[in-house]
Amino acid sequence: MALNNKNKINMGRPRPSVRQEQFHVKNVVTPDTKEAARRAEERQKAKDARVLGRSLNRKSERDFNIKGSIFGSINSNVKRGIAIGLIAALVILIGVAVGVFVFMASTSAKLSIDDEARAKLVRVQENQEYYMLFAADVDSDENEAPDMLMLTRVDPIKMSIIMVCIPTSTYVAAAQGGGTTLENVYKSSGDAGLIESVASFSEVGITHYVKASADGLSNLVDAFGGIDVFLKEYVDDVKVGDVYVGQGDQHIKGNETITLLRSNNFNGGMTTVMDNQKQVCTGILKAALFNKQVNIAVLTDQIAGSIKTDMGAGDIINFVDYYSKIEEDKIMSTDVPGYKTMRNNMMVFMIDASSWKNLRTQISYGMILTTEDDLTYKDIDPSSFTIIIENGAGIDGAASSLADKLKGMGFNVIDSHNADSNVYKETLIIYGDASMKTNAIAIKNSINNGRVVNGEGLYNMKSDILIIIGADLKI
């Protein structure tokens, strides 16, 4: 997400200040002298008007022609035609301007949130960082409470955008005392209550609010021609649909996006659900900023209604135009740190206060420190070390399938074959040198499987990393 300088022109003699009238006697302006000055000014204006009139009367058409110019040599009929053409062009331009204004006003009206929610937002000075809250209801049930929340810090000076994923089950203070969840806050107090509650526990003011329905998100993704995501686990949840989305780098359409966001049968549980939400939000943002084939003005009008915000159509267009120059690595995402527990007979997400304070400090400086849990092949050089894969689960083709997957991510897999035994229950990612631990963790996170093991002196290592496939691996 300019002050207009208004020049005041004083006609005639300027009126002295009160200070002058009180303390500078020789500068006193009496009613008589003021009246005399006014009459003198009027006489001078009349004189100037008469002089100008006589001057214009003496001017012939030839006097107004520019010597040697086209206008000086064409006849009056042609000049009249040019004048009519210019007037017609001006009328067209005015019509276009009016049409654009009406279009923008109509789109902004369809986008608009209610006044109560708008009153909870705070303004910031120009070129100052600010926060946006994005909420989306993606479930197929009739409950309109959001299933996804993303608090986003936008910095127009450092050109960075940081998204923080917040579970809707987050335990917060209730207005009537005690505690409740953000989902329940929305049910009881709507958008206004949600904005106020998130701002309170985040200790920031929220400047913009955006909320979307499942249809709104799906249509938005399809309008971009799909979005790019990286998935730690494949998506195959029969409870939410028959759509299958593979693991790793994927280009997904609108219906796949909604299925992804509704699915929760992952090995990683809530961690994977939140990661998928971050991937979708990041993918949509990058598509909006970098997809030059989409007309943002037209798109904004198409999605208005299924997506609501305090921002007008012009604000959205200006945002996309300004941040289209942002570097991709300046678009970051993370999670509110915490854990699941029982409170008031509810399963809730409890924020880790100390970790949340440290994370907020990092975010306020426009950065996020990468943790081991976040490392993937994108954070390392996957071709800089060697990997051997052994099938220890007796699953036909498991070693070659995993090898192909890792090679697709850029890893240097030098061999894949069956292990000496097929009794492994879990997948082991073994490193023989301490310098390889980070790489082993990146492999684990990239395939979302396995346990990292320090194998120094315990395994006959013929590569930097040895992967023994267990029965838990999902290909």
Protein backbone atom coordinates (compact mmCIF):
# COMPACT_ATOMS: atom_id res chain seq x y z
CA MET A 1 0.00 0.00 0.00
CA ALA A 2 0.86 13.34 -1.46
CA LEU A 3 -0.13 16.22 0.11
CA ASN A 4 -1.66 18.78 -2.22
CA ASN A 5 -0.10 22.19 -1.90
CA LYS A 6 -2.73 24.84 -2.40
CA ASN A 7 -1.33 28.18 -3.51
CA LYS A 8 -3.44 31.04 -2.28
CA ILE A 9 -3.35 34.14 -4.49
CA ASN A 10 -4.12 37.35 -2.66
CA MET A 11 -5.75 39.93 -4.87
CA GLY A 12 -4.66 43.47 -4.18
CA ARG A 13 -2.80 44.74 -1.24
CA PRO A 14 -2.23 42.05 1.41
CA ARG A 15 -3.92 42.60 4.72
CA PRO A 16 -1.47 43.15 7.58
CA SER A 17 -1.44 40.71 10.43
CA VAL A 18 -2.93 41.49 13.82
CA ARG A 19 0.58 41.79 15.16
CA GLN A 20 1.34 44.55 12.65
CA GLU A 21 -1.86 46.39 13.45
CA GLN A 22 -1.09 46.32 17.16
CA PHE A 23 2.61 47.10 17.29
CA HIS A 24 3.55 48.93 14.07
CA VAL A 25 1.61 52.19 14.14
CA LYS A 26 2.96 53.54 10.86
CA ASN A 27 1.62 50.44 9.06
CA VAL A 28 -1.94 50.85 10.38
CA VAL A 29 -4.60 50.40 7.68
CA THR A 30 -7.73 52.44 8.39
CA PRO A 31 -11.12 51.84 6.74
CA ASP A 32 -10.58 54.95 4.57
CA THR A 33 -7.22 53.81 3.25
CA LYS A 34 -8.55 50.32 2.61
CA GLU A 35 -11.47 51.67 0.59
CA ALA A 36 -9.14 53.91 -1.40
CA ALA A 37 -6.86 50.98 -2.18
CA ARG A 38 -9.82 48.87 -3.31
CA ARG A 39 -11.08 51.57 -5.69
CA ALA A 40 -7.59 52.09 -7.12
CA GLU A 41 -7.30 48.37 -7.75
CA GLU A 42 -10.65 48.27 -9.56
CA ARG A 43 -9.68 51.25 -11.75
CA GLN A 44 -6.43 49.51 -12.70
CA LYS A 45 -8.29 46.31 -13.66
CA ALA A 46 -10.72 48.24 -15.83
CA LYS A 47 -7.86 50.05 -17.53
CA ASP A 48 -6.05 46.76 -18.20
CA ALA A 49 -9.22 45.28 -19.69
CA ARG A 50 -9.70 48.25 -22.06
CA VAL A 51 -6.08 48.05 -23.22
CA LEU A 52 -6.36 44.32 -23.84
CA GLY A 53 -9.65 44.79 -25.74
CA ARG A 54 -8.21 47.42 -28.05
CA SER A 55 -5.18 45.24 -28.67
CA LEU A 56 -7.32 42.24 -29.61
CA ASN A 57 -9.53 44.32 -31.93
CA ARG A 58 -6.48 45.49 -33.84
CA LYS A 59 -5.24 41.93 -34.35
CA SER A 60 -6.13 40.43 -37.72
CA GLU A 61 -6.17 36.74 -38.52
CA ARG A 62 -2.79 37.18 -40.16
CA ASP A 63 -1.33 38.50 -36.90
CA PHE A 64 -2.19 35.23 -35.17
CA ASN A 65 -0.70 32.97 -37.87
CA ILE A 66 2.71 31.52 -37.15
CA LYS A 67 4.92 32.42 -40.03
CA GLY A 68 5.79 29.40 -42.12
CA SER A 69 3.55 27.05 -40.07
CA ILE A 70 0.84 24.75 -41.41
CA PHE A 71 -1.80 26.69 -39.52
CA GLY A 72 -0.67 29.89 -41.10
CA SER A 73 -1.34 28.65 -44.62
CA ILE A 74 -4.54 26.59 -44.38
CA ASN A 75 -7.96 28.05 -45.05
CA SER A 76 -10.71 28.68 -42.51
CA ASN A 77 -12.78 25.60 -43.49
CA VAL A 78 -9.85 23.28 -42.80
CA LYS A 79 -9.19 25.05 -39.53
CA ARG A 80 -12.82 24.58 -38.58
CA GLY A 81 -12.52 20.86 -39.38
CA ILE A 82 -9.42 20.55 -37.24
CA ALA A 83 -11.17 22.31 -34.38
CA ILE A 84 -14.17 19.98 -34.66
CA GLY A 85 -11.81 16.97 -34.72
CA LEU A 86 -10.01 18.17 -31.61
CA ILE A 87 -13.30 18.73 -29.82
CA ALA A 88 -14.48 15.23 -30.82
CA ALA A 89 -11.22 13.70 -29.55
CA LEU A 90 -11.61 15.59 -26.30
CA VAL A 91 -15.17 14.33 -25.91
CA ILE A 92 -13.98 10.75 -26.51
CA LEU A 93 -11.21 11.14 -23.93
CA ILE A 94 -13.67 12.50 -21.41
CA GLY A 95 -16.03 9.62 -22.15
CA VAL A 96 -13.24 7.08 -21.64
CA ALA A 97 -12.23 8.74 -18.37
CA VAL A 98 -15.82 8.70 -17.13
CA GLY A 99 -16.16 5.05 -18.17
CA VAL A 100 -12.98 4.08 -16.31
CA PHE A 101 -14.18 5.96 -13.24
CA VAL A 102 -17.56 4.22 -13.29
CA PHE A 103 -15.89 0.82 -13.83
CA MET A 104 -13.48 1.34 -10.93
CA ALA A 105 -16.22 2.64 -8.65
CA SER A 106 -18.49 -0.30 -9.48
CA THR A 107 -15.70 -2.84 -8.90
CA SER A 108 -14.67 -1.20 -5.62
CA ALA A 109 -18.27 -1.31 -4.39
CA LYS A 110 -18.48 -5.06 -5.07
CA LEU A 111 -15.17 -5.60 -3.27
CA SER A 112 -16.03 -3.55 -0.19
CA ILE A 113 -16.19 -4.98 3.34
CA ASP A 114 -18.64 -3.69 5.96
CA ASP A 115 -18.04 -0.46 7.89
CA GLU A 116 -17.63 -2.22 11.24
CA ALA A 117 -14.69 -4.25 9.93
CA ARG A 118 -13.23 -1.23 8.16
CA ALA A 119 -13.28 0.70 11.47
CA LYS A 120 -10.87 -1.83 13.00
CA LEU A 121 -8.18 -1.11 10.41
CA VAL A 122 -5.41 1.41 11.00
CA ARG A 123 -3.80 3.83 8.58
CA VAL A 124 -0.07 4.19 8.10
CA GLN A 125 2.05 6.90 6.57
CA GLU A 126 3.14 6.62 2.96
CA ASN A 127 6.22 4.40 2.42
CA GLN A 128 5.84 2.80 5.85
CA GLU A 129 5.59 -0.95 6.39
CA TYR A 130 2.12 -2.27 7.15
CA TYR A 131 0.20 -5.48 7.83
CA MET A 132 -2.56 -7.21 5.87
CA LEU A 133 -4.80 -10.03 7.10
CA PHE A 134 -6.00 -12.61 4.58
CA ALA A 135 -8.83 -14.97 5.53
CA ALA A 136 -10.37 -17.74 3.41
CA ASP A 137 -13.30 -20.09 3.89
CA VAL A 138 -12.45 -23.18 1.83
CA ASP A 139 -14.56 -25.87 3.50
CA SER A 140 -17.59 -27.30 1.71
CA ASP A 141 -19.79 -27.03 4.83
CA GLU A 142 -22.19 -24.17 5.56
CA ASN A 143 -19.94 -22.78 8.26
CA GLU A 144 -18.67 -19.47 6.88
CA ALA A 145 -15.85 -19.13 9.41
CA PRO A 146 -12.39 -18.94 7.81
CA ASP A 147 -10.28 -22.08 7.56
CA MET A 148 -7.10 -20.24 6.61
CA LEU A 149 -5.52 -17.08 8.04
CA MET A 150 -2.39 -15.34 6.80
CA LEU A 151 -0.98 -12.25 8.52
CA THR A 152 1.27 -10.49 6.02
CA ARG A 153 3.86 -7.77 6.56
CA VAL A 154 4.46 -5.56 3.51
CA ASP A 155 7.54 -3.32 3.37
CA PRO A 156 7.54 -0.82 0.46
CA ILE A 157 11.07 0.41 1.20
CA LYS A 158 12.93 -2.91 1.57
CA MET A 159 10.55 -4.43 -1.01
CA SER A 160 9.76 -7.52 1.06
CA ILE A 161 6.60 -9.46 1.88
CA ILE A 162 6.43 -11.88 4.82
CA MET A 163 3.41 -14.14 5.37
CA VAL A 164 2.68 -15.74 8.74
CA CYS A 165 0.27 -18.69 8.75
CA ILE A 166 -2.09 -18.68 11.75
CA PRO A 167 -4.28 -21.70 12.60
CA THR A 168 -7.93 -20.79 13.04
CA SER A 169 -7.89 -22.96 16.19
CA THR A 170 -5.41 -20.55 17.80
CA TYR A 171 -6.35 -19.94 21.45
CA VAL A 172 -6.87 -16.25 22.21
CA ALA A 173 -8.50 -14.09 24.86
CA ALA A 174 -12.29 -13.87 24.62
CA ALA A 175 -14.12 -10.54 24.80
CA GLN A 176 -16.25 -11.75 27.71
CA GLY A 177 -13.22 -13.14 29.54
CA GLY A 178 -11.44 -16.49 29.48
CA GLY A 179 -10.26 -17.95 26.21
CA THR A 180 -11.60 -19.11 22.88
CA THR A 181 -10.41 -19.77 19.32
CA LEU A 182 -10.13 -17.40 16.39
CA GLU A 183 -12.78 -19.46 14.62
CA ASN A 184 -15.22 -18.85 17.48
CA VAL A 185 -14.29 -15.15 17.53
CA TYR A 186 -15.35 -14.91 13.90
CA LYS A 187 -18.61 -16.76 14.56
CA SER A 188 -19.53 -14.36 17.35
CA SER A 189 -18.08 -11.05 16.11
CA GLY A 190 -17.50 -11.45 12.37
CA ASP A 191 -14.73 -9.78 10.40
CA ALA A 192 -14.38 -6.91 12.87
CA GLY A 193 -13.82 -9.25 15.81
CA LEU A 194 -11.34 -11.34 13.84
CA ILE A 195 -9.29 -8.31 12.81
CA GLU A 196 -9.25 -6.99 16.37
CA SER A 197 -8.28 -10.35 17.89
CA VAL A 198 -5.42 -11.05 15.45
CA ALA A 199 -4.10 -7.51 15.89
CA SER A 200 -4.20 -7.94 19.67
CA PHE A 201 -2.17 -11.14 20.02
CA SER A 202 0.18 -10.11 17.18
CA GLU A 203 0.71 -6.67 18.75
CA VAL A 204 0.49 -4.94 15.36
CA GLY A 205 -2.05 -2.74 13.65
CA ILE A 206 -3.74 -4.22 10.59
CA THR A 207 -4.09 -1.85 7.63
CA HIS A 208 -5.83 -4.04 5.03
CA TYR A 209 -8.17 -7.01 5.23
CA VAL A 210 -8.97 -9.50 2.46
CA LYS A 211 -11.33 -12.47 2.69
CA ALA A 212 -12.19 -15.04 0.04
CA SER A 213 -14.60 -17.89 -0.53
CA ALA A 214 -13.64 -21.24 -2.02
CA ASP A 215 -15.15 -20.19 -5.36
CA GLY A 216 -13.23 -16.92 -5.23
CA LEU A 217 -9.90 -18.68 -4.72
CA SER A 218 -10.62 -21.31 -7.35
CA ASN A 219 -11.62 -18.71 -9.95
CA LEU A 220 -8.59 -16.60 -9.10
CA VAL A 221 -6.19 -19.51 -9.59
CA ASP A 222 -7.83 -20.47 -12.91
CA ALA A 223 -7.66 -16.85 -14.09
CA PHE A 224 -3.89 -17.02 -13.66
CA GLY A 225 -3.78 -20.28 -15.61
CA GLY A 226 -2.83 -22.15 -12.42
CA ILE A 227 -0.20 -21.57 -9.73
CA ASP A 228 3.13 -23.21 -8.84
CA VAL A 229 3.52 -24.95 -5.47
CA PHE A 230 5.96 -27.34 -3.79
CA LEU A 231 4.23 -30.09 -1.81
CA LYS A 232 6.00 -32.18 0.82
CA GLU A 233 3.28 -34.85 0.57
CA TYR A 234 0.98 -35.94 -2.19
CA VAL A 235 -2.73 -35.09 -1.92
CA ASP A 236 -5.23 -37.94 -1.99
CA ASP A 237 -8.07 -37.42 0.50
CA VAL A 238 -11.29 -39.21 -0.48
CA LYS A 239 -13.21 -37.26 2.18
CA VAL A 240 -12.82 -34.02 0.20
CA GLY A 241 -12.82 -35.25 -3.39
CA ASP A 242 -11.29 -37.58 -5.94
CA VAL A 243 -8.59 -35.14 -7.07
CA TYR A 244 -5.01 -36.38 -6.79
CA VAL A 245 -2.04 -34.01 -6.65
CA GLY A 246 1.51 -35.37 -6.67
CA GLN A 247 4.39 -34.60 -4.35
CA GLY A 248 7.12 -32.04 -5.08
CA ASP A 249 6.90 -29.21 -7.62
CA GLN A 250 3.38 -28.99 -9.06
CA HIS A 251 1.38 -26.61 -11.25
CA ILE A 252 -2.20 -26.80 -9.96
CA LYS A 253 -5.55 -25.49 -11.15
CA GLY A 254 -8.43 -24.05 -9.16
CA ASN A 255 -10.19 -27.32 -8.22
CA GLU A 256 -6.87 -28.88 -7.24
CA THR A 257 -6.08 -25.86 -5.08
CA ILE A 258 -9.34 -26.20 -3.13
CA THR A 259 -8.84 -29.95 -2.68
CA LEU A 260 -5.31 -29.30 -1.43
CA LEU A 261 -6.56 -26.75 1.11
CA ARG A 262 -9.38 -28.99 2.33
CA SER A 263 -7.22 -32.11 2.77
CA ASN A 264 -5.77 -32.98 6.18
CA ASN A 265 -4.86 -36.69 6.04
CA PHE A 266 -1.12 -36.02 5.96
CA ASN A 267 1.70 -37.72 7.84
CA GLY A 268 2.87 -34.29 8.94
CA GLY A 269 -0.56 -33.38 10.31
CA MET A 270 -1.12 -29.68 11.01
CA THR A 271 2.45 -28.84 9.93
CA THR A 272 1.77 -30.07 6.40
CA VAL A 273 -1.67 -28.40 6.32
CA MET A 274 -0.12 -25.04 7.23
CA ASP A 275 2.70 -25.55 4.74
CA ASN A 276 0.15 -26.19 1.99
CA GLN A 277 -1.68 -22.98 2.91
CA LYS A 278 1.58 -21.02 2.66
CA GLN A 279 2.35 -22.61 -0.70
CA VAL A 280 -1.05 -21.62 -2.10
CA CYS A 281 -0.86 -18.03 -0.82
CA THR A 282 2.69 -17.64 -2.12
CA GLY A 283 1.72 -19.15 -5.48
CA ILE A 284 -1.25 -16.79 -5.88
CA LEU A 285 0.84 -13.75 -4.91
CA LYS A 286 3.62 -14.62 -7.35
CA ALA A 287 1.11 -15.24 -10.13
CA ALA A 288 -0.49 -11.84 -9.49
CA LEU A 289 2.85 -10.03 -9.50
CA PHE A 290 4.73 -11.85 -12.24
CA ASN A 291 2.10 -13.20 -14.67
CA LYS A 292 2.11 -10.52 -17.38
CA GLN A 293 -0.62 -12.25 -19.41
CA VAL A 294 -3.36 -11.29 -16.96
CA ASN A 295 -5.13 -7.92 -16.95
CA ILE A 296 -5.38 -7.15 -13.23
CA ALA A 297 -8.12 -4.54 -13.70
CA VAL A 298 -10.40 -6.98 -15.53
CA LEU A 299 -9.52 -9.80 -13.13
CA THR A 300 -10.31 -7.63 -10.10
CA ASP A 301 -13.79 -6.97 -11.49
CA GLN A 302 -14.33 -10.67 -12.20
CA ILE A 303 -13.51 -11.80 -8.67
CA ALA A 304 -15.22 -8.90 -6.88
CA GLY A 305 -17.99 -10.29 -4.73
CA SER A 306 -16.39 -13.68 -4.07
CA ILE A 307 -13.40 -11.78 -2.65
CA LYS A 308 -13.98 -8.86 -0.27
CA THR A 309 -11.53 -6.20 0.93
CA ASP A 310 -11.23 -2.64 2.17
CA MET A 311 -8.94 -1.94 -0.79
CA GLY A 312 -10.43 -0.32 -3.87
CA ALA A 313 -9.81 -1.54 -7.41
CA GLY A 314 -7.22 1.19 -7.90
CA ASP A 315 -5.40 0.18 -4.71
CA ILE A 316 -5.13 -3.42 -5.92
CA ILE A 317 -3.88 -2.38 -9.36
CA ASN A 318 -1.28 -0.04 -7.82
CA PHE A 319 -0.14 -2.76 -5.39
CA VAL A 320 0.43 -5.28 -8.18
CA ASP A 321 2.21 -2.69 -10.32
CA TYR A 322 4.51 -1.56 -7.49
CA TYR A 323 5.50 -5.01 -6.20
CA SER A 324 5.86 -6.59 -9.64
CA LYS A 325 9.49 -5.50 -9.32
CA ILE A 326 10.08 -7.44 -6.08
CA GLU A 327 12.73 -10.20 -6.04
CA GLU A 328 11.21 -13.65 -5.55
CA ASP A 329 13.36 -14.45 -2.53
CA LYS A 330 11.91 -11.37 -0.83
CA ILE A 331 8.55 -13.15 -0.67
CA MET A 332 8.80 -15.25 2.50
CA SER A 333 6.48 -17.30 4.71
CA THR A 334 6.49 -18.91 8.13
CA ASP A 335 4.17 -20.21 10.87
CA VAL A 336 3.08 -18.96 14.25
CA PRO A 337 5.09 -21.20 16.63
CA GLY A 338 3.04 -23.34 18.99
CA TYR A 339 1.48 -26.71 19.75
CA LYS A 340 -1.88 -28.47 20.00
CA THR A 341 -3.46 -29.05 23.40
CA MET A 342 -6.82 -29.19 25.21
CA ARG A 343 -8.39 -26.03 26.66
CA ASN A 344 -11.99 -25.66 27.87
CA ASN A 345 -12.84 -29.04 26.38
CA MET A 346 -11.56 -27.88 22.97
CA MET A 347 -8.57 -29.03 20.94
CA VAL A 348 -6.75 -25.75 20.32
CA PHE A 349 -3.47 -24.39 19.00
CA MET A 350 -1.53 -22.76 21.82
CA ILE A 351 1.02 -20.12 20.83
CA ASP A 352 4.56 -20.51 22.18
CA ALA A 353 4.87 -16.99 23.63
CA SER A 354 8.69 -16.84 23.75
CA SER A 355 9.20 -18.17 20.21
CA TRP A 356 6.42 -15.93 18.90
CA LYS A 357 8.09 -12.87 20.43
CA ASN A 358 11.42 -13.76 18.79
CA LEU A 359 9.72 -14.37 15.44
CA ARG A 360 7.89 -11.05 15.60
CA THR A 361 11.21 -9.31 16.20
CA GLN A 362 12.71 -10.96 13.11
CA ILE A 363 9.68 -10.06 11.02
CA SER A 364 9.82 -6.44 12.18
CA TYR A 365 13.31 -6.28 10.62
CA GLY A 366 12.00 -7.81 7.40
CA MET A 367 13.60 -11.24 7.73
CA ILE A 368 13.00 -14.83 8.82
CA LEU A 369 15.81 -17.04 10.11
CA THR A 370 15.63 -20.42 8.37
CA THR A 371 15.37 -23.36 10.77
CA GLU A 372 16.24 -27.00 10.14
CA ASP A 373 12.54 -27.80 9.91
CA ASP A 374 12.25 -25.46 6.92
CA LEU A 375 15.25 -26.72 4.91
CA THR A 376 14.51 -28.32 1.54
CA TYR A 377 16.49 -28.94 -1.63
CA LYS A 378 15.82 -25.31 -2.56
CA ASP A 379 17.97 -24.10 0.35
CA ILE A 380 21.07 -26.13 -0.53
CA ASP A 381 23.05 -27.21 -3.60
CA PRO A 382 21.56 -30.70 -4.16
CA SER A 383 24.16 -31.63 -6.78
CA SER A 384 27.16 -30.98 -4.51
CA PHE A 385 27.12 -34.39 -2.75
CA THR A 386 26.43 -38.03 -3.63
CA ILE A 387 23.52 -40.29 -2.64
CA ILE A 388 23.04 -44.07 -2.74
CA ILE A 389 19.56 -45.52 -2.23
CA GLU A 390 18.85 -49.05 -0.92
CA ASN A 391 15.41 -50.68 -0.86
CA GLY A 392 15.03 -52.15 2.62
CA ALA A 393 11.25 -52.60 2.50
CA GLY A 394 10.93 -55.17 -0.28
CA ILE A 395 8.62 -52.85 -2.26
CA ASP A 396 9.10 -53.45 -5.97
CA GLY A 397 10.65 -50.48 -7.74
CA ALA A 398 10.86 -48.34 -4.58
CA ALA A 399 14.58 -47.55 -4.90
CA SER A 400 14.41 -46.54 -8.55
CA SER A 401 11.23 -44.51 -7.98
CA LEU A 402 12.81 -42.56 -5.12
CA ALA A 403 15.96 -42.10 -7.20
CA ASP A 404 13.93 -40.56 -10.03
CA LYS A 405 12.13 -38.25 -7.58
CA LEU A 406 15.39 -37.01 -6.04
CA LYS A 407 17.05 -36.60 -9.43
CA GLY A 408 14.11 -34.46 -10.46
CA MET A 409 14.94 -32.15 -7.55
CA GLY A 410 18.58 -31.95 -8.68
CA PHE A 411 20.14 -34.45 -6.24
CA ASN A 412 23.15 -36.44 -7.36
CA VAL A 413 21.97 -40.07 -6.98
CA ILE A 414 24.81 -42.32 -8.10
CA ASP A 415 23.20 -45.72 -7.43
CA SER A 416 19.98 -47.42 -6.33
CA HIS A 417 19.52 -51.12 -5.50
CA ASN A 418 18.03 -53.58 -3.00
CA ALA A 419 19.34 -53.68 0.56
CA ASP A 420 20.69 -56.88 2.17
CA SER A 421 17.50 -57.12 4.23
CA ASN A 422 13.82 -56.21 3.73
CA VAL A 423 12.93 -55.73 7.41
CA TYR A 424 13.23 -51.94 7.69
CA LYS A 425 10.07 -50.36 9.14
CA GLU A 426 11.16 -46.73 8.75
CA THR A 427 13.24 -44.91 6.17
CA LEU A 428 16.73 -43.92 7.29
CA ILE A 429 18.68 -41.01 5.86
CA ILE A 430 22.23 -41.60 6.97
CA TYR A 431 25.16 -39.20 6.84
CA GLY A 432 28.76 -40.20 7.54
CA ASP A 433 30.29 -36.80 8.13
CA ALA A 434 28.95 -33.95 10.29
CA SER A 435 29.16 -31.57 7.32
CA MET A 436 26.45 -33.66 5.60
CA LYS A 437 23.85 -33.33 8.38
CA THR A 438 22.19 -30.25 6.85
CA ASN A 439 21.95 -31.98 3.49
CA ALA A 440 20.40 -35.07 5.10
CA ILE A 441 17.79 -32.88 6.81
CA ALA A 442 17.03 -31.17 3.49
CA ILE A 443 16.43 -34.59 1.88
CA LYS A 444 14.12 -35.63 4.74
CA ASN A 445 12.06 -32.44 4.39
CA SER A 446 12.00 -32.66 0.60
CA ILE A 447 10.49 -36.18 0.61
CA ASN A 448 8.67 -35.63 3.94
CA ASN A 449 9.77 -39.03 5.16
CA GLY A 450 12.50 -40.70 7.08
CA ARG A 451 14.69 -40.25 10.13
CA VAL A 452 18.09 -38.55 9.94
CA VAL A 453 20.86 -40.74 11.38
CA ASN A 454 24.52 -40.05 12.16
CA GLY A 455 26.11 -43.16 10.66
CA GLU A 456 29.76 -42.29 11.24
CA GLY A 457 31.62 -45.54 11.98
CA LEU A 458 28.39 -47.58 11.89
CA TYR A 459 27.77 -47.94 8.16
CA ASN A 460 29.99 -48.74 5.22
CA MET A 461 29.45 -45.40 3.47
CA LYS A 462 30.22 -45.39 -0.24
CA SER A 463 28.49 -42.04 -0.76
CA ASP A 464 27.99 -38.85 1.23
CA ILE A 465 24.39 -39.83 2.05
CA LEU A 466 22.91 -43.34 2.28
CA ILE A 467 19.12 -43.73 2.14
CA ILE A 468 17.63 -47.08 3.26
CA ILE A 469 13.96 -47.24 2.30
CA GLY A 470 11.58 -48.49 4.97
CA ALA A 471 7.93 -49.55 4.88
CA ASP A 472 6.84 -46.02 5.87
CA LEU A 473 8.02 -44.36 2.64
CA LYS A 474 5.34 -43.01 0.32
CA ILE A 475 6.40 -42.66 -3.29
